[in-house]
Amino acid sequence: MGMALYLLGALVAFVGGIWIVVNAFKKSVLWGLGALFVPFVSLIFAIMNWEQNKKPFLIAIAGVVVMIIGVVMLGGTAAMSGSAGMPS
């Protein structure tokens, strides 16, 4: 179950991120290229153009939250099976 949540969260976060990049390309080619290739430019773009990017940003954040829940569930599964931190 944890892996499924992790993968679902990754997909949702990816969709939100791509949506922001598409919005950046709609603004200008330079914003789009920056959002695609330069770290944190998409975050800066999303904040500077909040009204246009509020929905995709929140979708991406929701995806990250679901990913974290999946990782926590995976860690709990490993701990319950007795294999957490134990070398084989």
C-alpha atoms as a PDB file:
ATOM      1  CA  MET A   1       0.000   0.000   0.000  1.00  0.00           C
ATOM      2  CA  GLY A   2       2.850   2.360   0.809  1.00  0.00           C
ATOM      3  CA  MET A   3       4.476   1.887  -2.591  1.00  0.00           C
ATOM      4  CA  ALA A   4       1.166   2.543  -4.354  1.00  0.00           C
ATOM      5  CA  LEU A   5       0.711   5.790  -2.414  1.00  0.00           C
ATOM      6  CA  TYR A   6       4.291   6.795  -3.173  1.00  0.00           C
ATOM      7  CA  LEU A   7       3.837   6.196  -6.906  1.00  0.00           C
ATOM      8  CA  LEU A   8       0.466   7.954  -6.957  1.00  0.00           C
ATOM      9  CA  GLY A   9       1.950  10.938  -5.133  1.00  0.00           C
ATOM     10  CA  ALA A  10       4.881  11.053  -7.547  1.00  0.00           C
ATOM     11  CA  LEU A  11       2.503  11.069 -10.509  1.00  0.00           C
ATOM     12  CA  VAL A  12       0.358  13.840  -9.008  1.00  0.00           C
ATOM     13  CA  ALA A  13       3.428  15.946  -8.127  1.00  0.00           C
ATOM     14  CA  PHE A  14       4.800  15.423 -11.644  1.00  0.00           C
ATOM     15  CA  VAL A  15       1.531  16.584 -13.229  1.00  0.00           C
ATOM     16  CA  GLY A  16       1.469  19.717 -11.044  1.00  0.00           C
ATOM     17  CA  GLY A  17       5.085  20.488 -11.881  1.00  0.00           C
ATOM     18  CA  ILE A  18       4.600  20.036 -15.619  1.00  0.00           C
ATOM     19  CA  TRP A  19       1.517  22.269 -15.450  1.00  0.00           C
ATOM     20  CA  ILE A  20       3.655  25.043 -13.928  1.00  0.00           C
ATOM     21  CA  VAL A  21       6.296  24.594 -16.654  1.00  0.00           C
ATOM     22  CA  VAL A  22       3.596  24.824 -19.338  1.00  0.00           C
ATOM     23  CA  ASN A  23       2.327  28.051 -17.750  1.00  0.00           C
ATOM     24  CA  ALA A  24       5.897  29.373 -17.729  1.00  0.00           C
ATOM     25  CA  PHE A  25       6.242  28.663 -21.459  1.00  0.00           C
ATOM     26  CA  LYS A  26       2.930  30.467 -22.039  1.00  0.00           C
ATOM     27  CA  LYS A  27       4.412  33.542 -20.345  1.00  0.00           C
ATOM     28  CA  SER A  28       7.668  33.434 -22.347  1.00  0.00           C
ATOM     29  CA  VAL A  29      10.143  30.975 -23.789  1.00  0.00           C
ATOM     30  CA  LEU A  30      12.834  32.147 -21.364  1.00  0.00           C
ATOM     31  CA  TRP A  31      10.606  31.519 -18.340  1.00  0.00           C
ATOM     32  CA  GLY A  32       9.767  28.091 -19.735  1.00  0.00           C
ATOM     33  CA  LEU A  33      13.375  27.119 -20.362  1.00  0.00           C
ATOM     34  CA  GLY A  34      14.365  28.445 -16.956  1.00  0.00           C
ATOM     35  CA  ALA A  35      11.585  26.520 -15.234  1.00  0.00           C
ATOM     36  CA  LEU A  36      12.577  23.377 -17.107  1.00  0.00           C
ATOM     37  CA  PHE A  37      16.349  23.482 -16.625  1.00  0.00           C
ATOM     38  CA  VAL A  38      17.286  25.806 -13.730  1.00  0.00           C
ATOM     39  CA  PRO A  39      16.595  24.721 -10.145  1.00  0.00           C
ATOM     40  CA  PHE A  40      13.953  26.744  -8.261  1.00  0.00           C
ATOM     41  CA  VAL A  41      12.975  28.892 -11.258  1.00  0.00           C
ATOM     42  CA  SER A  42       9.629  27.100 -11.477  1.00  0.00           C
ATOM     43  CA  LEU A  43       9.048  27.842  -7.772  1.00  0.00           C
ATOM     44  CA  ILE A  44       9.941  31.508  -8.279  1.00  0.00           C
ATOM     45  CA  PHE A  45       7.698  31.655 -11.344  1.00  0.00           C
ATOM     46  CA  ALA A  46       4.807  30.040  -9.453  1.00  0.00           C
ATOM     47  CA  ILE A  47       5.112  32.556  -6.614  1.00  0.00           C
ATOM     48  CA  MET A  48       5.462  35.564  -8.923  1.00  0.00           C
ATOM     49  CA  ASN A  49       2.415  34.449 -10.950  1.00  0.00           C
ATOM     50  CA  TRP A  50       0.405  33.016  -8.069  1.00  0.00           C
ATOM     51  CA  GLU A  51      -3.108  33.491  -9.470  1.00  0.00           C
ATOM     52  CA  GLN A  52      -2.247  31.517 -12.601  1.00  0.00           C
ATOM     53  CA  ASN A  53      -0.261  28.834 -10.735  1.00  0.00           C
ATOM     54  CA  LYS A  54      -2.115  28.400  -7.456  1.00  0.00           C
ATOM     55  CA  LYS A  55      -3.955  25.245  -8.534  1.00  0.00           C
ATOM     56  CA  PRO A  56      -0.977  23.404 -10.115  1.00  0.00           C
ATOM     57  CA  PHE A  57       1.283  24.389  -7.199  1.00  0.00           C
ATOM     58  CA  LEU A  58      -1.169  23.050  -4.618  1.00  0.00           C
ATOM     59  CA  ILE A  59      -1.624  19.881  -6.693  1.00  0.00           C
ATOM     60  CA  ALA A  60       2.149  19.371  -6.704  1.00  0.00           C
ATOM     61  CA  ILE A  61       2.319  19.934  -2.926  1.00  0.00           C
ATOM     62  CA  ALA A  62      -0.532  17.453  -2.388  1.00  0.00           C
ATOM     63  CA  GLY A  63       1.413  14.915  -4.442  1.00  0.00           C
ATOM     64  CA  VAL A  64       4.487  15.402  -2.270  1.00  0.00           C
ATOM     65  CA  VAL A  65       2.382  14.924   0.885  1.00  0.00           C
ATOM     66  CA  VAL A  66       0.977  11.662  -0.507  1.00  0.00           C
ATOM     67  CA  MET A  67       4.532  10.564  -1.374  1.00  0.00           C
ATOM     68  CA  ILE A  68       5.663  11.248   2.205  1.00  0.00           C
ATOM     69  CA  ILE A  69       2.744   9.246   3.583  1.00  0.00           C
ATOM     70  CA  GLY A  70       3.727   6.377   1.277  1.00  0.00           C
ATOM     71  CA  VAL A  71       7.345   6.496   2.466  1.00  0.00           C
ATOM     72  CA  VAL A  72       6.233   6.503   6.099  1.00  0.00           C
ATOM     73  CA  MET A  73       4.015   3.498   5.424  1.00  0.00           C
ATOM     74  CA  LEU A  74       6.900   1.707   3.689  1.00  0.00           C
ATOM     75  CA  GLY A  75       9.157   2.411   6.676  1.00  0.00           C
ATOM     76  CA  GLY A  76       6.528   1.100   9.049  1.00  0.00           C
ATOM     77  CA  THR A  77       6.152  -2.056   6.985  1.00  0.00           C
ATOM     78  CA  ALA A  78       9.894  -2.688   7.115  1.00  0.00           C
ATOM     79  CA  ALA A  79       9.941  -2.124  10.882  1.00  0.00           C
ATOM     80  CA  MET A  80       7.057  -4.523  11.455  1.00  0.00           C
ATOM     81  CA  SER A  81       8.694  -7.248   9.399  1.00  0.00           C
ATOM     82  CA  GLY A  82      11.833  -6.985  11.509  1.00  0.00           C
ATOM     83  CA  SER A  83      14.114  -6.001   8.644  1.00  0.00           C
ATOM     84  CA  ALA A  84      14.554  -2.320   9.413  1.00  0.00           C
ATOM     85  CA  GLY A  85      18.227  -1.493   9.788  1.00  0.00           C
ATOM     86  CA  MET A  86      19.232  -5.156  10.027  1.00  0.00           C
ATOM     87  CA  PRO A  87      21.838  -6.371   7.573  1.00  0.00           C
ATOM     88  CA  SER A  88      21.034  -9.675   5.948  1.00  0.00           C
END
